[in-house]
Amino acid sequence: MNTTSSSPLQQPQLTVDASYRVPVGERALILGGGGSTGNAWLIGVVAGLFDAGLDVTAADLTVGTSAGSTAGAQFAGANPTALFNDILAAAPQNAVFASGRATPARSGAGQNNGARPVTDHMERTGQILEASADMADMRRRMGAAAMDLAEAMDGSSARWRATVSARLPHQEWPERLVLLTAVDAKTGEPVVFDHHSGVDLVDAVAASCASGFAYAIGSKHYIDGGYRSNAENADLAAGYGRVLVLSPFGGRTRTPLEWNMHLAAQVGELRSSGSRVETIFPDTEAEHLFGINAMDLTLRPAAARAGFDQGRALAGSLSEFWR
């Protein structure tokens, strides 16, 4: 277990990217990104499976990206049922975005506390995507834009770290293998954190979720792990016999298909190398809870319930696959 404590003002001793030292195993759980509602849905699915007798949190490998990194860290420190019940019991709060802005939570039909900031972010990043020649170019451009935003927002990393820390029931890396994805904001190089990386769990999660400004860990800065390849980063499970992918975005991608970064391409590569792969996407009737509404905290209970129902319904068919 890593006991190194790092804050945005300290310089951790980073080691080589963890993707180079992933041991081969049997079962891998992939937790994709998807904002606040995506995190709630992930917890709901896993809690539903757990309630029906299938515990997927005991995977040999867990890969978390953005909202999935938060979920992966939460599963390492708490029972899925408890996490699910906490979502249902929580009163609506202010929505806190990786851009550093907060919007008061509201209730009532037709009100969406996250729409404008999410729309702004989508428009801004969409322009960067259109101007990018390939994935590496896109990462560098996204990183440069995030660095500019971080410089304009004094203290943003410290505030974001406090927000992330409050979400985690346990703040030490677990003994089992958990990989959390990010991208180096200055170089555009993909980064994968594990308990050997010299970065504490809170910082790794905060970096993986930094979809707006660049998050500082010492002198280095990082952006959202969804920019590494796609919102799932399922390629990190290469060599695993059984791979279960939970994708709040339903496997969709904003990158051009010719870049070959979308989930279907990753799943195809895993299967061609011998892995059995199952994917779980939100049901069609729950799709309105994600996308533009991903940061609306008032929708978290509904997203969690939708995931829970899916998990319970799928547990029987997934039991043979997983066990």
C-alpha atoms as a PDB file:
ATOM      1  CA  MET A   1       0.000   0.000   0.000  1.00  0.00           C
ATOM      2  CA  ASN A   2       1.287   3.436  -0.896  1.00  0.00           C
ATOM      3  CA  THR A   3       1.496   5.686   2.144  1.00  0.00           C
ATOM      4  CA  THR A   4       3.087   8.630   0.311  1.00  0.00           C
ATOM      5  CA  SER A   5       1.076  11.785   0.888  1.00  0.00           C
ATOM      6  CA  SER A   6       1.176  14.396  -1.856  1.00  0.00           C
ATOM      7  CA  SER A   7      -0.658  17.649  -2.272  1.00  0.00           C
ATOM      8  CA  PRO A   8      -0.785  20.038  -5.227  1.00  0.00           C
ATOM      9  CA  LEU A   9       2.126  21.895  -3.603  1.00  0.00           C
ATOM     10  CA  GLN A  10       4.380  18.879  -3.152  1.00  0.00           C
ATOM     11  CA  GLN A  11       6.489  17.109  -5.781  1.00  0.00           C
ATOM     12  CA  PRO A  12       5.904  13.347  -5.765  1.00  0.00           C
ATOM     13  CA  GLN A  13       8.528  10.990  -7.130  1.00  0.00           C
ATOM     14  CA  LEU A  14       6.739   9.650 -10.196  1.00  0.00           C
ATOM     15  CA  THR A  15       7.753   6.287 -11.607  1.00  0.00           C
ATOM     16  CA  VAL A  16       7.258   4.856 -15.071  1.00  0.00           C
ATOM     17  CA  ASP A  17       3.734   4.855 -16.513  1.00  0.00           C
ATOM     18  CA  ALA A  18       1.837   1.993 -14.855  1.00  0.00           C
ATOM     19  CA  SER A  19       0.531   0.679 -18.191  1.00  0.00           C
ATOM     20  CA  TYR A  20       3.971  -0.882 -18.713  1.00  0.00           C
ATOM     21  CA  ARG A  21       3.746  -3.057 -15.619  1.00  0.00           C
ATOM     22  CA  VAL A  22       0.199  -4.448 -15.691  1.00  0.00           C
ATOM     23  CA  PRO A  23       0.399  -8.158 -14.843  1.00  0.00           C
ATOM     24  CA  VAL A  24      -1.699 -10.642 -16.789  1.00  0.00           C
ATOM     25  CA  GLY A  25      -4.778 -11.733 -14.876  1.00  0.00           C
ATOM     26  CA  GLU A  26      -8.179 -13.319 -15.330  1.00  0.00           C
ATOM     27  CA  ARG A  27     -10.906 -10.740 -14.592  1.00  0.00           C
ATOM     28  CA  ALA A  28     -10.848  -7.031 -15.395  1.00  0.00           C
ATOM     29  CA  LEU A  29     -13.476  -4.400 -14.556  1.00  0.00           C
ATOM     30  CA  ILE A  30     -13.486  -1.256 -16.721  1.00  0.00           C
ATOM     31  CA  LEU A  31     -15.270   1.801 -15.287  1.00  0.00           C
ATOM     32  CA  GLY A  32     -15.760   4.490 -17.916  1.00  0.00           C
ATOM     33  CA  GLY A  33     -16.172   8.233 -17.594  1.00  0.00           C
ATOM     34  CA  GLY A  34     -19.490  10.046 -17.670  1.00  0.00           C
ATOM     35  CA  GLY A  35     -19.713  12.926 -15.218  1.00  0.00           C
ATOM     36  CA  SER A  36     -21.611  12.997 -11.955  1.00  0.00           C
ATOM     37  CA  THR A  37     -24.601  11.022 -13.247  1.00  0.00           C
ATOM     38  CA  GLY A  38     -22.221   8.558 -14.881  1.00  0.00           C
ATOM     39  CA  ASN A  39     -20.557   7.950 -11.538  1.00  0.00           C
ATOM     40  CA  ALA A  40     -23.948   7.349  -9.924  1.00  0.00           C
ATOM     41  CA  TRP A  41     -24.941   4.934 -12.701  1.00  0.00           C
ATOM     42  CA  LEU A  42     -21.691   2.985 -12.330  1.00  0.00           C
ATOM     43  CA  ILE A  43     -22.280   2.628  -8.595  1.00  0.00           C
ATOM     44  CA  GLY A  44     -25.872   1.609  -9.262  1.00  0.00           C
ATOM     45  CA  VAL A  45     -24.915  -1.117 -11.751  1.00  0.00           C
ATOM     46  CA  VAL A  46     -22.271  -2.602  -9.459  1.00  0.00           C
ATOM     47  CA  ALA A  47     -24.644  -2.399  -6.465  1.00  0.00           C
ATOM     48  CA  GLY A  48     -27.386  -4.102  -8.475  1.00  0.00           C
ATOM     49  CA  LEU A  49     -25.057  -6.918  -9.479  1.00  0.00           C
ATOM     50  CA  PHE A  50     -23.901  -7.187  -5.865  1.00  0.00           C
ATOM     51  CA  ASP A  51     -27.476  -7.296  -4.581  1.00  0.00           C
ATOM     52  CA  ALA A  52     -28.185 -10.170  -6.963  1.00  0.00           C
ATOM     53  CA  GLY A  53     -25.156 -12.105  -5.723  1.00  0.00           C
ATOM     54  CA  LEU A  54     -22.449 -11.090  -8.211  1.00  0.00           C
ATOM     55  CA  ASP A  55     -19.537  -9.095  -6.757  1.00  0.00           C
ATOM     56  CA  VAL A  56     -17.453  -7.595  -9.572  1.00  0.00           C
ATOM     57  CA  THR A  57     -15.435  -5.336  -7.253  1.00  0.00           C
ATOM     58  CA  ALA A  58     -13.136  -8.279  -6.519  1.00  0.00           C
ATOM     59  CA  ALA A  59     -11.713  -8.108 -10.052  1.00  0.00           C
ATOM     60  CA  ASP A  60      -8.020  -8.817 -10.547  1.00  0.00           C
ATOM     61  CA  LEU A  61      -7.778  -5.461 -12.332  1.00  0.00           C
ATOM     62  CA  THR A  62      -9.940  -2.337 -12.108  1.00  0.00           C
ATOM     63  CA  VAL A  63      -9.436   0.459 -14.648  1.00  0.00           C
ATOM     64  CA  GLY A  64     -11.040   3.810 -13.824  1.00  0.00           C
ATOM     65  CA  THR A  65     -11.341   6.839 -16.077  1.00  0.00           C
ATOM     66  CA  SER A  66     -12.676  10.219 -14.948  1.00  0.00           C
ATOM     67  CA  ALA A  67     -15.991   9.490 -13.174  1.00  0.00           C
ATOM     68  CA  GLY A  68     -14.954   5.841 -13.312  1.00  0.00           C
ATOM     69  CA  SER A  69     -11.767   6.638 -11.417  1.00  0.00           C
ATOM     70  CA  THR A  70     -13.878   8.055  -8.598  1.00  0.00           C
ATOM     71  CA  ALA A  71     -16.075   4.956  -8.641  1.00  0.00           C
ATOM     72  CA  GLY A  72     -13.049   2.663  -8.650  1.00  0.00           C
ATOM     73  CA  ALA A  73     -11.583   4.438  -5.634  1.00  0.00           C
ATOM     74  CA  GLN A  74     -14.958   4.397  -3.886  1.00  0.00           C
ATOM     75  CA  PHE A  75     -15.362   0.641  -4.421  1.00  0.00           C
ATOM     76  CA  ALA A  76     -11.921   0.161  -2.894  1.00  0.00           C
ATOM     77  CA  GLY A  77     -13.116   1.712   0.345  1.00  0.00           C
ATOM     78  CA  ALA A  78     -16.804   0.919   0.722  1.00  0.00           C
ATOM     79  CA  ASN A  79     -19.478  -1.691   0.064  1.00  0.00           C
ATOM     80  CA  PRO A  80     -21.384  -1.089  -3.246  1.00  0.00           C
ATOM     81  CA  THR A  81     -24.695  -1.200  -1.396  1.00  0.00           C
ATOM     82  CA  ALA A  82     -23.581   1.497   1.032  1.00  0.00           C
ATOM     83  CA  LEU A  83     -22.379   3.720  -1.819  1.00  0.00           C
ATOM     84  CA  PHE A  84     -25.686   3.251  -3.622  1.00  0.00           C
ATOM     85  CA  ASN A  85     -27.716   4.070  -0.516  1.00  0.00           C
ATOM     86  CA  ASP A  86     -25.595   7.161   0.098  1.00  0.00           C
ATOM     87  CA  ILE A  87     -26.541   8.486  -3.344  1.00  0.00           C
ATOM     88  CA  LEU A  88     -30.239   7.933  -2.706  1.00  0.00           C
ATOM     89  CA  ALA A  89     -30.020   9.580   0.712  1.00  0.00           C
ATOM     90  CA  ALA A  90     -27.973  12.604  -0.335  1.00  0.00           C
ATOM     91  CA  ALA A  91     -29.756  15.950  -0.607  1.00  0.00           C
ATOM     92  CA  PRO A  92     -29.097  17.956  -3.810  1.00  0.00           C
ATOM     93  CA  GLN A  93     -25.983  20.090  -3.495  1.00  0.00           C
ATOM     94  CA  ASN A  94     -24.139  22.585  -5.602  1.00  0.00           C
ATOM     95  CA  ALA A  95     -22.721  21.078  -8.763  1.00  0.00           C
ATOM     96  CA  VAL A  96     -18.941  21.497  -8.742  1.00  0.00           C
ATOM     97  CA  PHE A  97     -17.270  21.289 -12.128  1.00  0.00           C
ATOM     98  CA  ALA A  98     -13.670  20.529 -13.014  1.00  0.00           C
ATOM     99  CA  SER A  99     -13.655  24.007 -14.514  1.00  0.00           C
ATOM    100  CA  GLY A 100     -13.941  25.266 -10.928  1.00  0.00           C
ATOM    101  CA  ARG A 101     -17.414  26.721 -11.302  1.00  0.00           C
ATOM    102  CA  ALA A 102     -20.287  25.847  -9.019  1.00  0.00           C
ATOM    103  CA  THR A 103     -23.964  26.055  -9.855  1.00  0.00           C
ATOM    104  CA  PRO A 104     -26.728  25.791  -7.233  1.00  0.00           C
ATOM    105  CA  ALA A 105     -28.661  22.556  -7.446  1.00  0.00           C
ATOM    106  CA  ARG A 106     -32.290  22.987  -8.384  1.00  0.00           C
ATOM    107  CA  SER A 107     -35.267  20.717  -8.473  1.00  0.00           C
ATOM    108  CA  GLY A 108     -38.353  20.672 -10.597  1.00  0.00           C
ATOM    109  CA  ALA A 109     -39.258  19.732 -14.140  1.00  0.00           C
ATOM    110  CA  GLY A 110     -37.208  21.266 -16.894  1.00  0.00           C
ATOM    111  CA  GLN A 111     -34.444  22.629 -14.669  1.00  0.00           C
ATOM    112  CA  ASN A 112     -30.886  21.537 -15.328  1.00  0.00           C
ATOM    113  CA  ASN A 113     -28.180  22.944 -13.136  1.00  0.00           C
ATOM    114  CA  GLY A 114     -25.367  21.578 -15.278  1.00  0.00           C
ATOM    115  CA  ALA A 115     -26.456  22.401 -18.825  1.00  0.00           C
ATOM    116  CA  ARG A 116     -24.652  25.674 -19.558  1.00  0.00           C
ATOM    117  CA  PRO A 117     -21.201  24.799 -18.134  1.00  0.00           C
ATOM    118  CA  VAL A 118     -21.325  21.392 -19.850  1.00  0.00           C
ATOM    119  CA  THR A 119     -22.401  23.002 -23.124  1.00  0.00           C
ATOM    120  CA  ASP A 120     -19.596  25.551 -22.878  1.00  0.00           C
ATOM    121  CA  HIS A 121     -17.096  22.785 -22.234  1.00  0.00           C
ATOM    122  CA  MET A 122     -18.377  20.673 -25.129  1.00  0.00           C
ATOM    123  CA  GLU A 123     -18.202  23.602 -27.525  1.00  0.00           C
ATOM    124  CA  ARG A 124     -14.693  24.531 -26.433  1.00  0.00           C
ATOM    125  CA  THR A 125     -13.319  21.003 -26.654  1.00  0.00           C
ATOM    126  CA  GLY A 126     -15.216  20.367 -29.879  1.00  0.00           C
ATOM    127  CA  GLN A 127     -13.326  23.194 -31.540  1.00  0.00           C
ATOM    128  CA  ILE A 128     -10.044  21.681 -30.363  1.00  0.00           C
ATOM    129  CA  LEU A 129     -11.055  18.285 -31.747  1.00  0.00           C
ATOM    130  CA  GLU A 130     -11.882  19.780 -35.141  1.00  0.00           C
ATOM    131  CA  ALA A 131      -8.481  21.473 -35.318  1.00  0.00           C
ATOM    132  CA  SER A 132      -6.522  18.342 -34.321  1.00  0.00           C
ATOM    133  CA  ALA A 133      -4.709  16.154 -36.828  1.00  0.00           C
ATOM    134  CA  ASP A 134      -4.610  13.009 -34.692  1.00  0.00           C
ATOM    135  CA  MET A 135      -4.943  11.771 -31.131  1.00  0.00           C
ATOM    136  CA  ALA A 136      -1.488  12.938 -30.051  1.00  0.00           C
ATOM    137  CA  ASP A 137      -2.135  16.393 -31.494  1.00  0.00           C
ATOM    138  CA  MET A 138      -5.503  16.528 -29.753  1.00  0.00           C
ATOM    139  CA  ARG A 139      -3.978  15.625 -26.388  1.00  0.00           C
ATOM    140  CA  ARG A 140      -1.374  18.380 -26.705  1.00  0.00           C
ATOM    141  CA  ARG A 141      -3.991  20.958 -27.693  1.00  0.00           C
ATOM    142  CA  MET A 142      -6.340  19.925 -24.880  1.00  0.00           C
ATOM    143  CA  GLY A 143      -3.460  20.084 -22.428  1.00  0.00           C
ATOM    144  CA  ALA A 144      -2.376  23.551 -23.562  1.00  0.00           C
ATOM    145  CA  ALA A 145      -5.932  24.888 -23.252  1.00  0.00           C
ATOM    146  CA  ALA A 146      -6.283  23.317 -19.794  1.00  0.00           C
ATOM    147  CA  MET A 147      -2.959  24.842 -18.695  1.00  0.00           C
ATOM    148  CA  ASP A 148      -4.181  28.278 -19.759  1.00  0.00           C
ATOM    149  CA  LEU A 149      -7.363  27.798 -17.753  1.00  0.00           C
ATOM    150  CA  ALA A 150      -5.426  26.607 -14.699  1.00  0.00           C
ATOM    151  CA  GLU A 151      -3.221  29.719 -14.799  1.00  0.00           C
ATOM    152  CA  ALA A 152      -6.327  31.904 -14.838  1.00  0.00           C
ATOM    153  CA  MET A 153      -7.838  30.102 -11.830  1.00  0.00           C
ATOM    154  CA  ASP A 154      -5.625  30.576  -8.798  1.00  0.00           C
ATOM    155  CA  GLY A 155      -5.949  27.746  -6.289  1.00  0.00           C
ATOM    156  CA  SER A 156      -8.076  25.583  -8.572  1.00  0.00           C
ATOM    157  CA  SER A 157      -6.100  22.387  -7.921  1.00  0.00           C
ATOM    158  CA  ALA A 158      -6.321  22.734  -4.145  1.00  0.00           C
ATOM    159  CA  ARG A 159     -10.083  23.319  -4.323  1.00  0.00           C
ATOM    160  CA  TRP A 160     -10.590  20.393  -6.685  1.00  0.00           C
ATOM    161  CA  ARG A 161      -8.496  18.120  -4.482  1.00  0.00           C
ATOM    162  CA  ALA A 162     -10.656  18.976  -1.467  1.00  0.00           C
ATOM    163  CA  THR A 163     -13.800  18.179  -3.461  1.00  0.00           C
ATOM    164  CA  VAL A 164     -12.461  14.826  -4.626  1.00  0.00           C
ATOM    165  CA  SER A 165     -11.140  13.930  -1.175  1.00  0.00           C
ATOM    166  CA  ALA A 166     -14.593  14.407   0.330  1.00  0.00           C
ATOM    167  CA  ARG A 167     -16.028  11.851  -2.111  1.00  0.00           C
ATOM    168  CA  LEU A 168     -13.699   8.991  -1.179  1.00  0.00           C
ATOM    169  CA  PRO A 169     -14.567   6.777   1.796  1.00  0.00           C
ATOM    170  CA  HIS A 170     -10.947   5.580   2.025  1.00  0.00           C
ATOM    171  CA  GLN A 171      -7.941   7.507   0.769  1.00  0.00           C
ATOM    172  CA  GLU A 172      -5.224   4.870   0.551  1.00  0.00           C
ATOM    173  CA  TRP A 173      -4.515   2.810  -2.551  1.00  0.00           C
ATOM    174  CA  PRO A 174      -6.045  -0.666  -2.211  1.00  0.00           C
ATOM    175  CA  GLU A 175      -3.926  -3.814  -2.236  1.00  0.00           C
ATOM    176  CA  ARG A 176      -5.663  -5.099  -5.368  1.00  0.00           C
ATOM    177  CA  LEU A 177      -4.655  -3.636  -8.720  1.00  0.00           C
ATOM    178  CA  VAL A 178      -6.390  -0.364  -9.627  1.00  0.00           C
ATOM    179  CA  LEU A 179      -5.295   1.729 -12.620  1.00  0.00           C
ATOM    180  CA  LEU A 180      -6.427   5.344 -12.975  1.00  0.00           C
ATOM    181  CA  THR A 181      -5.903   7.124 -16.286  1.00  0.00           C
ATOM    182  CA  ALA A 182      -4.841  10.697 -17.092  1.00  0.00           C
ATOM    183  CA  VAL A 183      -2.848  12.682 -19.650  1.00  0.00           C
ATOM    184  CA  ASP A 184       0.227  14.861 -19.064  1.00  0.00           C
ATOM    185  CA  ALA A 185      -1.046  18.360 -19.851  1.00  0.00           C
ATOM    186  CA  LYS A 186       2.333  19.688 -20.984  1.00  0.00           C
ATOM    187  CA  THR A 187       3.492  16.819 -23.187  1.00  0.00           C
ATOM    188  CA  GLY A 188       0.207  15.198 -24.165  1.00  0.00           C
ATOM    189  CA  GLU A 189       1.596  11.809 -23.135  1.00  0.00           C
ATOM    190  CA  PRO A 190      -0.854   9.243 -21.736  1.00  0.00           C
ATOM    191  CA  VAL A 191      -0.442   8.491 -18.026  1.00  0.00           C
ATOM    192  CA  VAL A 192      -1.679   5.586 -15.929  1.00  0.00           C
ATOM    193  CA  PHE A 193      -1.396   5.773 -12.151  1.00  0.00           C
ATOM    194  CA  ASP A 194      -1.249   2.820  -9.771  1.00  0.00           C
ATOM    195  CA  HIS A 195      -0.113   2.365  -6.170  1.00  0.00           C
ATOM    196  CA  HIS A 196       3.530   2.320  -7.297  1.00  0.00           C
ATOM    197  CA  SER A 197       3.360   5.678  -9.094  1.00  0.00           C
ATOM    198  CA  GLY A 198       4.350   7.863  -6.142  1.00  0.00           C
ATOM    199  CA  VAL A 199       1.010   9.731  -6.300  1.00  0.00           C
ATOM    200  CA  ASP A 200      -1.594   9.344  -3.598  1.00  0.00           C
ATOM    201  CA  LEU A 201      -5.059   8.082  -4.438  1.00  0.00           C
ATOM    202  CA  VAL A 202      -6.826  11.440  -4.067  1.00  0.00           C
ATOM    203  CA  ASP A 203      -4.432  13.144  -6.468  1.00  0.00           C
ATOM    204  CA  ALA A 204      -4.693  10.315  -8.998  1.00  0.00           C
ATOM    205  CA  VAL A 205      -8.500  10.534  -8.978  1.00  0.00           C
ATOM    206  CA  ALA A 206      -8.442  14.343  -9.168  1.00  0.00           C
ATOM    207  CA  ALA A 207      -6.088  14.214 -12.160  1.00  0.00           C
ATOM    208  CA  SER A 208      -8.210  11.611 -13.940  1.00  0.00           C
ATOM    209  CA  CYS A 209     -11.316  13.797 -13.476  1.00  0.00           C
ATOM    210  CA  ALA A 210      -9.723  17.108 -14.560  1.00  0.00           C
ATOM    211  CA  SER A 211     -11.827  17.728 -17.665  1.00  0.00           C
ATOM    212  CA  GLY A 212     -11.514  21.529 -17.582  1.00  0.00           C
ATOM    213  CA  PHE A 213      -8.367  23.009 -16.069  1.00  0.00           C
ATOM    214  CA  ALA A 214      -5.072  21.114 -15.731  1.00  0.00           C
ATOM    215  CA  TYR A 215      -4.693  19.575 -12.278  1.00  0.00           C
ATOM    216  CA  ALA A 216      -1.339  20.112 -10.553  1.00  0.00           C
ATOM    217  CA  ILE A 217       0.605  17.400  -8.750  1.00  0.00           C
ATOM    218  CA  GLY A 218       3.835  19.045  -7.765  1.00  0.00           C
ATOM    219  CA  SER A 219       5.328  20.651 -10.879  1.00  0.00           C
ATOM    220  CA  LYS A 220       3.380  18.395 -13.235  1.00  0.00           C
ATOM    221  CA  HIS A 221      -0.119  18.974 -14.584  1.00  0.00           C
ATOM    222  CA  TYR A 222      -2.691  16.485 -15.803  1.00  0.00           C
ATOM    223  CA  ILE A 223      -5.990  16.390 -17.675  1.00  0.00           C
ATOM    224  CA  ASP A 224      -8.898  13.962 -17.832  1.00  0.00           C
ATOM    225  CA  GLY A 225      -8.096  10.304 -18.517  1.00  0.00           C
ATOM    226  CA  GLY A 226     -10.807  10.234 -21.177  1.00  0.00           C
ATOM    227  CA  TYR A 227      -8.296  11.944 -23.466  1.00  0.00           C
ATOM    228  CA  ARG A 228      -5.890   9.020 -23.194  1.00  0.00           C
ATOM    229  CA  SER A 229      -7.835   6.954 -25.738  1.00  0.00           C
ATOM    230  CA  ASN A 230     -11.552   7.146 -24.982  1.00  0.00           C
ATOM    231  CA  ALA A 231     -13.820   7.320 -21.957  1.00  0.00           C
ATOM    232  CA  GLU A 232     -13.194   3.656 -21.106  1.00  0.00           C
ATOM    233  CA  ASN A 233      -9.488   2.894 -21.804  1.00  0.00           C
ATOM    234  CA  ALA A 234     -10.396  -0.771 -22.110  1.00  0.00           C
ATOM    235  CA  ASP A 235      -7.108  -1.468 -23.923  1.00  0.00           C
ATOM    236  CA  LEU A 236      -5.419  -1.590 -20.508  1.00  0.00           C
ATOM    237  CA  ALA A 237      -7.113  -4.956 -19.909  1.00  0.00           C
ATOM    238  CA  ALA A 238      -5.132  -6.632 -22.720  1.00  0.00           C
ATOM    239  CA  GLY A 239      -4.219 -10.167 -21.683  1.00  0.00           C
ATOM    240  CA  TYR A 240      -7.128 -10.606 -19.261  1.00  0.00           C
ATOM    241  CA  GLY A 241      -9.420 -13.563 -19.831  1.00  0.00           C
ATOM    242  CA  ARG A 242     -12.696 -11.829 -18.990  1.00  0.00           C
ATOM    243  CA  VAL A 243     -13.279  -8.097 -19.317  1.00  0.00           C
ATOM    244  CA  LEU A 244     -16.448  -6.356 -18.120  1.00  0.00           C
ATOM    245  CA  VAL A 245     -16.863  -2.807 -19.443  1.00  0.00           C
ATOM    246  CA  LEU A 246     -19.316  -0.340 -17.884  1.00  0.00           C
ATOM    247  CA  SER A 247     -19.695   2.710 -20.120  1.00  0.00           C
ATOM    248  CA  PRO A 248     -22.006   5.576 -19.088  1.00  0.00           C
ATOM    249  CA  PHE A 249     -21.417   7.098 -22.546  1.00  0.00           C
ATOM    250  CA  GLY A 250     -22.702   3.932 -24.197  1.00  0.00           C
ATOM    251  CA  GLY A 251     -19.438   3.374 -26.041  1.00  0.00           C
ATOM    252  CA  ARG A 252     -19.753   6.615 -27.978  1.00  0.00           C
ATOM    253  CA  THR A 253     -16.737   8.729 -28.860  1.00  0.00           C
ATOM    254  CA  ARG A 254     -16.162  12.308 -29.957  1.00  0.00           C
ATOM    255  CA  THR A 255     -12.975  11.457 -31.826  1.00  0.00           C
ATOM    256  CA  PRO A 256     -13.001  10.567 -35.551  1.00  0.00           C
ATOM    257  CA  LEU A 257     -13.470   6.833 -36.072  1.00  0.00           C
ATOM    258  CA  GLU A 258     -10.351   6.684 -38.233  1.00  0.00           C
ATOM    259  CA  TRP A 259      -8.308   7.473 -35.109  1.00  0.00           C
ATOM    260  CA  ASN A 260      -9.398   4.033 -33.895  1.00  0.00           C
ATOM    261  CA  MET A 261      -9.826   5.126 -30.294  1.00  0.00           C
ATOM    262  CA  HIS A 262     -13.511   4.246 -29.821  1.00  0.00           C
ATOM    263  CA  LEU A 263     -14.655   1.488 -27.496  1.00  0.00           C
ATOM    264  CA  ALA A 264     -15.753  -0.857 -30.302  1.00  0.00           C
ATOM    265  CA  ALA A 265     -12.207  -0.842 -31.669  1.00  0.00           C
ATOM    266  CA  GLN A 266     -10.771  -1.564 -28.218  1.00  0.00           C
ATOM    267  CA  VAL A 267     -13.240  -4.401 -27.639  1.00  0.00           C
ATOM    268  CA  GLY A 268     -12.411  -5.836 -31.057  1.00  0.00           C
ATOM    269  CA  GLU A 269      -8.714  -5.866 -30.244  1.00  0.00           C
ATOM    270  CA  LEU A 270      -9.318  -7.508 -26.868  1.00  0.00           C
ATOM    271  CA  ARG A 271     -11.456 -10.227 -28.423  1.00  0.00           C
ATOM    272  CA  SER A 272      -8.999 -10.853 -31.221  1.00  0.00           C
ATOM    273  CA  SER A 273      -6.306 -11.452 -28.608  1.00  0.00           C
ATOM    274  CA  GLY A 274      -8.454 -14.026 -26.807  1.00  0.00           C
ATOM    275  CA  SER A 275     -10.342 -12.033 -24.162  1.00  0.00           C
ATOM    276  CA  ARG A 276     -14.029 -12.548 -23.523  1.00  0.00           C
ATOM    277  CA  VAL A 277     -15.635  -9.110 -23.283  1.00  0.00           C
ATOM    278  CA  GLU A 278     -19.060  -7.986 -22.069  1.00  0.00           C
ATOM    279  CA  THR A 279     -20.252  -4.378 -22.163  1.00  0.00           C
ATOM    280  CA  ILE A 280     -22.999  -2.644 -20.196  1.00  0.00           C
ATOM    281  CA  PHE A 281     -24.474   0.634 -21.452  1.00  0.00           C
ATOM    282  CA  PRO A 282     -27.316   2.708 -19.946  1.00  0.00           C
ATOM    283  CA  ASP A 283     -30.761   1.662 -21.134  1.00  0.00           C
ATOM    284  CA  THR A 284     -32.314   3.852 -23.819  1.00  0.00           C
ATOM    285  CA  GLU A 285     -34.916   5.261 -21.433  1.00  0.00           C
ATOM    286  CA  ALA A 286     -32.139   6.492 -19.130  1.00  0.00           C
ATOM    287  CA  GLU A 287     -30.018   8.231 -21.788  1.00  0.00           C
ATOM    288  CA  HIS A 288     -31.436  11.659 -20.866  1.00  0.00           C
ATOM    289  CA  LEU A 289     -29.601  11.392 -17.543  1.00  0.00           C
ATOM    290  CA  PHE A 290     -26.210  11.665 -19.219  1.00  0.00           C
ATOM    291  CA  GLY A 291     -24.511  13.837 -21.831  1.00  0.00           C
ATOM    292  CA  ILE A 292     -25.620  17.440 -21.375  1.00  0.00           C
ATOM    293  CA  ASN A 293     -27.105  16.494 -17.981  1.00  0.00           C
ATOM    294  CA  ALA A 294     -23.999  14.696 -16.729  1.00  0.00           C
ATOM    295  CA  MET A 295     -23.202  17.305 -14.071  1.00  0.00           C
ATOM    296  CA  ASP A 296     -26.721  17.743 -12.689  1.00  0.00           C
ATOM    297  CA  LEU A 297     -26.490  16.434  -9.132  1.00  0.00           C
ATOM    298  CA  THR A 298     -30.266  16.304  -8.802  1.00  0.00           C
ATOM    299  CA  LEU A 299     -30.249  13.456 -11.361  1.00  0.00           C
ATOM    300  CA  ARG A 300     -27.792  11.272  -9.472  1.00  0.00           C
ATOM    301  CA  PRO A 301     -30.461   9.259  -7.599  1.00  0.00           C
ATOM    302  CA  ALA A 302     -32.312   8.527 -10.846  1.00  0.00           C
ATOM    303  CA  ALA A 303     -29.080   7.484 -12.567  1.00  0.00           C
ATOM    304  CA  ALA A 304     -28.131   5.247  -9.651  1.00  0.00           C
ATOM    305  CA  ARG A 305     -31.573   3.590  -9.629  1.00  0.00           C
ATOM    306  CA  ALA A 306     -31.407   3.031 -13.388  1.00  0.00           C
ATOM    307  CA  GLY A 307     -28.020   1.398 -12.998  1.00  0.00           C
ATOM    308  CA  PHE A 308     -29.170  -0.694 -10.049  1.00  0.00           C
ATOM    309  CA  ASP A 309     -32.119  -2.080 -12.005  1.00  0.00           C
ATOM    310  CA  GLN A 310     -29.825  -2.937 -14.904  1.00  0.00           C
ATOM    311  CA  GLY A 311     -27.345  -4.632 -12.619  1.00  0.00           C
ATOM    312  CA  ARG A 312     -29.976  -6.802 -10.988  1.00  0.00           C
ATOM    313  CA  ALA A 313     -31.456  -7.736 -14.363  1.00  0.00           C
ATOM    314  CA  LEU A 314     -28.072  -8.651 -15.857  1.00  0.00           C
ATOM    315  CA  ALA A 315     -26.577 -10.527 -12.903  1.00  0.00           C
ATOM    316  CA  GLY A 316     -27.912 -13.916 -13.979  1.00  0.00           C
ATOM    317  CA  SER A 317     -26.626 -13.713 -17.542  1.00  0.00           C
ATOM    318  CA  LEU A 318     -23.242 -12.340 -16.414  1.00  0.00           C
ATOM    319  CA  SER A 319     -22.709 -14.870 -13.629  1.00  0.00           C
ATOM    320  CA  GLU A 320     -21.215 -17.634 -15.816  1.00  0.00           C
ATOM    321  CA  PHE A 321     -19.085 -15.129 -17.704  1.00  0.00           C
ATOM    322  CA  TRP A 322     -17.609 -13.544 -14.582  1.00  0.00           C
ATOM    323  CA  ARG A 323     -17.225 -16.583 -12.364  1.00  0.00           C
END
